[in-house]
């Protein structure tokens, strides 16, 4: 393999690595946003459950 071809291959790999890293960063940001959304959802559900337990007479 010629030196020129090796250099070209290395540059291609560097470019692909940068693209993969950017994609990974986007996925991490999406994951973080999804986690925040789920936490907010579960906190809201817990608050609703707490309110319902306080306002609903116990039957037993």
N, C-alpha and C. Protein backbone atom coordinates (compact mmCIF):
# COMPACT_ATOMS: atom_id res chain seq x y z
N UNK A 1 0.86 -1.18 0.00
CA UNK A 1 0.00 0.00 0.00
C UNK A 1 0.91 1.23 0.00
N UNK A 2 0.57 2.17 -0.84
CA UNK A 2 1.40 3.36 -0.96
C UNK A 2 1.19 4.28 0.25
N UNK A 3 2.17 5.11 0.46
CA UNK A 3 2.12 6.08 1.56
C UNK A 3 0.92 7.01 1.39
N UNK A 4 0.66 7.41 0.15
CA UNK A 4 -0.47 8.30 -0.14
C UNK A 4 -1.80 7.63 0.22
N UNK A 5 -1.92 6.35 -0.13
CA UNK A 5 -3.15 5.60 0.16
C UNK A 5 -3.32 5.45 1.68
N UNK A 6 -2.23 5.18 2.38
CA UNK A 6 -2.29 5.05 3.84
C UNK A 6 -2.74 6.36 4.48
N UNK A 7 -2.18 7.46 3.99
CA UNK A 7 -2.56 8.77 4.52
C UNK A 7 -4.04 9.04 4.26
N UNK A 8 -4.49 8.70 3.07
CA UNK A 8 -5.90 8.88 2.72
C UNK A 8 -6.80 8.03 3.63
N UNK A 9 -6.39 6.79 3.87
CA UNK A 9 -7.16 5.90 4.74
C UNK A 9 -7.22 6.44 6.18
N UNK A 10 -6.10 6.95 6.65
CA UNK A 10 -6.06 7.51 8.01
C UNK A 10 -6.99 8.71 8.10
N UNK A 11 -6.97 9.57 7.11
CA UNK A 11 -7.85 10.75 7.11
C UNK A 11 -9.32 10.33 7.06
N UNK A 12 -9.61 9.31 6.28
CA UNK A 12 -10.98 8.79 6.21
C UNK A 12 -11.42 8.26 7.57
N UNK A 13 -10.55 7.52 8.22
CA UNK A 13 -10.87 6.98 9.55
C UNK A 13 -11.06 8.10 10.57
N UNK A 14 -10.23 9.13 10.50
CA UNK A 14 -10.38 10.27 11.42
C UNK A 14 -11.73 10.94 11.21
N UNK A 15 -12.10 11.12 9.94
CA UNK A 15 -13.38 11.74 9.62
C UNK A 15 -14.55 10.90 10.14
N UNK A 16 -14.44 9.59 9.94
CA UNK A 16 -15.50 8.70 10.42
C UNK A 16 -15.58 8.73 11.95
N UNK A 17 -14.44 8.80 12.61
CA UNK A 17 -14.40 8.86 14.07
C UNK A 17 -15.09 10.12 14.57
N UNK A 18 -14.82 11.24 13.93
CA UNK A 18 -15.45 12.50 14.33
C UNK A 18 -16.96 12.41 14.16
N UNK A 19 -17.41 11.85 13.05
CA UNK A 19 -18.85 11.70 12.81
C UNK A 19 -19.49 10.79 13.87
N UNK A 20 -18.81 9.71 14.21
CA UNK A 20 -19.33 8.80 15.23
C UNK A 20 -19.38 9.47 16.60
N UNK A 21 -18.36 10.25 16.91
CA UNK A 21 -18.34 10.95 18.19
C UNK A 21 -19.47 11.97 18.27
N UNK A 22 -19.73 12.67 17.18
CA UNK A 22 -20.84 13.63 17.15
C UNK A 22 -22.18 12.91 17.33
N UNK A 23 -22.32 11.78 16.65
CA UNK A 23 -23.54 10.99 16.80
C UNK A 23 -23.70 10.51 18.23
N UNK A 24 -22.61 10.10 18.85
CA UNK A 24 -22.63 9.64 20.23
C UNK A 24 -23.04 10.77 21.17
N UNK A 25 -22.52 11.97 20.92
CA UNK A 25 -22.88 13.12 21.75
C UNK A 25 -24.37 13.42 21.63
N UNK A 26 -24.91 13.34 20.42
CA UNK A 26 -26.34 13.58 20.21
C UNK A 26 -27.17 12.53 20.94
N UNK A 27 -26.73 11.27 20.88
CA UNK A 27 -27.45 10.21 21.58
C UNK A 27 -27.43 10.42 23.10
N UNK A 28 -26.29 10.84 23.62
CA UNK A 28 -26.18 11.11 25.05
C UNK A 28 -27.11 12.25 25.46
N UNK A 29 -27.19 13.29 24.63
CA UNK A 29 -28.08 14.40 24.92
C UNK A 29 -29.53 13.95 24.89
N UNK A 30 -29.89 13.13 23.92
CA UNK A 30 -31.25 12.60 23.82
C UNK A 30 -31.57 11.73 25.02
N UNK A 31 -30.61 10.91 25.43
CA UNK A 31 -30.80 10.04 26.60
C UNK A 31 -31.01 10.88 27.85
N UNK A 32 -30.22 11.92 28.03
CA UNK A 32 -30.35 12.79 29.20
C UNK A 32 -31.72 13.46 29.22
N UNK A 33 -32.18 13.90 28.06
CA UNK A 33 -33.50 14.54 27.97
C UNK A 33 -34.60 13.54 28.28
N UNK A 34 -34.46 12.32 27.79
CA UNK A 34 -35.46 11.27 28.06
C UNK A 34 -35.50 10.95 29.55
N UNK A 35 -34.34 10.89 30.18
CA UNK A 35 -34.29 10.61 31.62
C UNK A 35 -34.98 11.72 32.40
N UNK A 36 -34.72 12.98 32.03
CA UNK A 36 -35.39 14.10 32.71
C UNK A 36 -36.90 14.02 32.54
N UNK A 37 -37.34 13.66 31.35
CA UNK A 37 -38.77 13.54 31.09
C UNK A 37 -39.39 12.43 31.93
N UNK A 38 -38.72 11.29 32.00
CA UNK A 38 -39.23 10.17 32.81
C UNK A 38 -39.27 10.52 34.29
N UNK A 39 -38.25 11.19 34.78
CA UNK A 39 -38.23 11.59 36.19
C UNK A 39 -39.40 12.52 36.47
N UNK A 40 -39.63 13.49 35.60
CA UNK A 40 -40.74 14.42 35.79
C UNK A 40 -42.07 13.67 35.77
N UNK A 41 -42.20 12.70 34.87
CA UNK A 41 -43.42 11.91 34.78
C UNK A 41 -43.66 11.13 36.08
N UNK A 42 -42.64 10.44 36.57
CA UNK A 42 -42.80 9.65 37.79
C UNK A 42 -43.05 10.53 39.01
N UNK A 43 -42.42 11.70 39.06
CA UNK A 43 -42.68 12.62 40.17
C UNK A 43 -44.12 13.11 40.13
N UNK A 44 -44.61 13.40 38.94
CA UNK A 44 -46.00 13.85 38.80
C UNK A 44 -46.96 12.74 39.19
N UNK A 45 -46.69 11.52 38.75
CA UNK A 45 -47.54 10.39 39.11
C UNK A 45 -47.54 10.16 40.62
N UNK A 46 -46.39 10.30 41.26
CA UNK A 46 -46.30 10.13 42.71
C UNK A 46 -47.10 11.22 43.42
N UNK A 47 -47.03 12.44 42.92
CA UNK A 47 -47.79 13.54 43.51
C UNK A 47 -49.29 13.30 43.37
N UNK A 48 -49.71 12.86 42.20
CA UNK A 48 -51.13 12.57 41.98
C UNK A 48 -51.59 11.45 42.91
N UNK A 49 -50.80 10.41 43.02
CA UNK A 49 -51.14 9.29 43.90
C UNK A 49 -51.25 9.76 45.34
N UNK A 50 -50.33 10.60 45.77
CA UNK A 50 -50.35 11.12 47.14
C UNK A 50 -51.62 11.94 47.38
N UNK A 51 -51.96 12.79 46.44
CA UNK A 51 -53.17 13.61 46.57
C UNK A 51 -54.41 12.73 46.63
N UNK A 52 -54.47 11.74 45.75
CA UNK A 52 -55.62 10.83 45.74
C UNK A 52 -55.74 10.06 47.05
N UNK A 53 -54.61 9.63 47.59
CA UNK A 53 -54.64 8.90 48.86
C UNK A 53 -55.13 9.78 50.00
N UNK A 54 -54.80 11.06 49.95
CA UNK A 54 -55.22 11.99 51.00
C UNK A 54 -56.69 12.38 50.87
N UNK A 55 -57.19 12.40 49.65
CA UNK A 55 -58.56 12.88 49.43
C UNK A 55 -59.58 11.77 49.30
N UNK A 56 -59.13 10.54 49.09
CA UNK A 56 -60.05 9.42 48.94
C UNK A 56 -60.21 8.73 50.28
N UNK A 57 -61.47 8.62 50.74
CA UNK A 57 -61.68 7.95 52.03
C UNK A 57 -61.26 6.48 51.95
N UNK A 58 -60.70 6.01 53.03
CA UNK A 58 -60.24 4.62 53.10
C UNK A 58 -61.44 3.70 53.22
N UNK A 59 -61.49 2.69 52.38
CA UNK A 59 -62.58 1.71 52.44
C UNK A 59 -61.96 0.38 52.82
N UNK A 60 -62.27 -0.09 54.00
CA UNK A 60 -61.67 -1.35 54.36
C UNK A 60 -62.19 -1.93 55.57
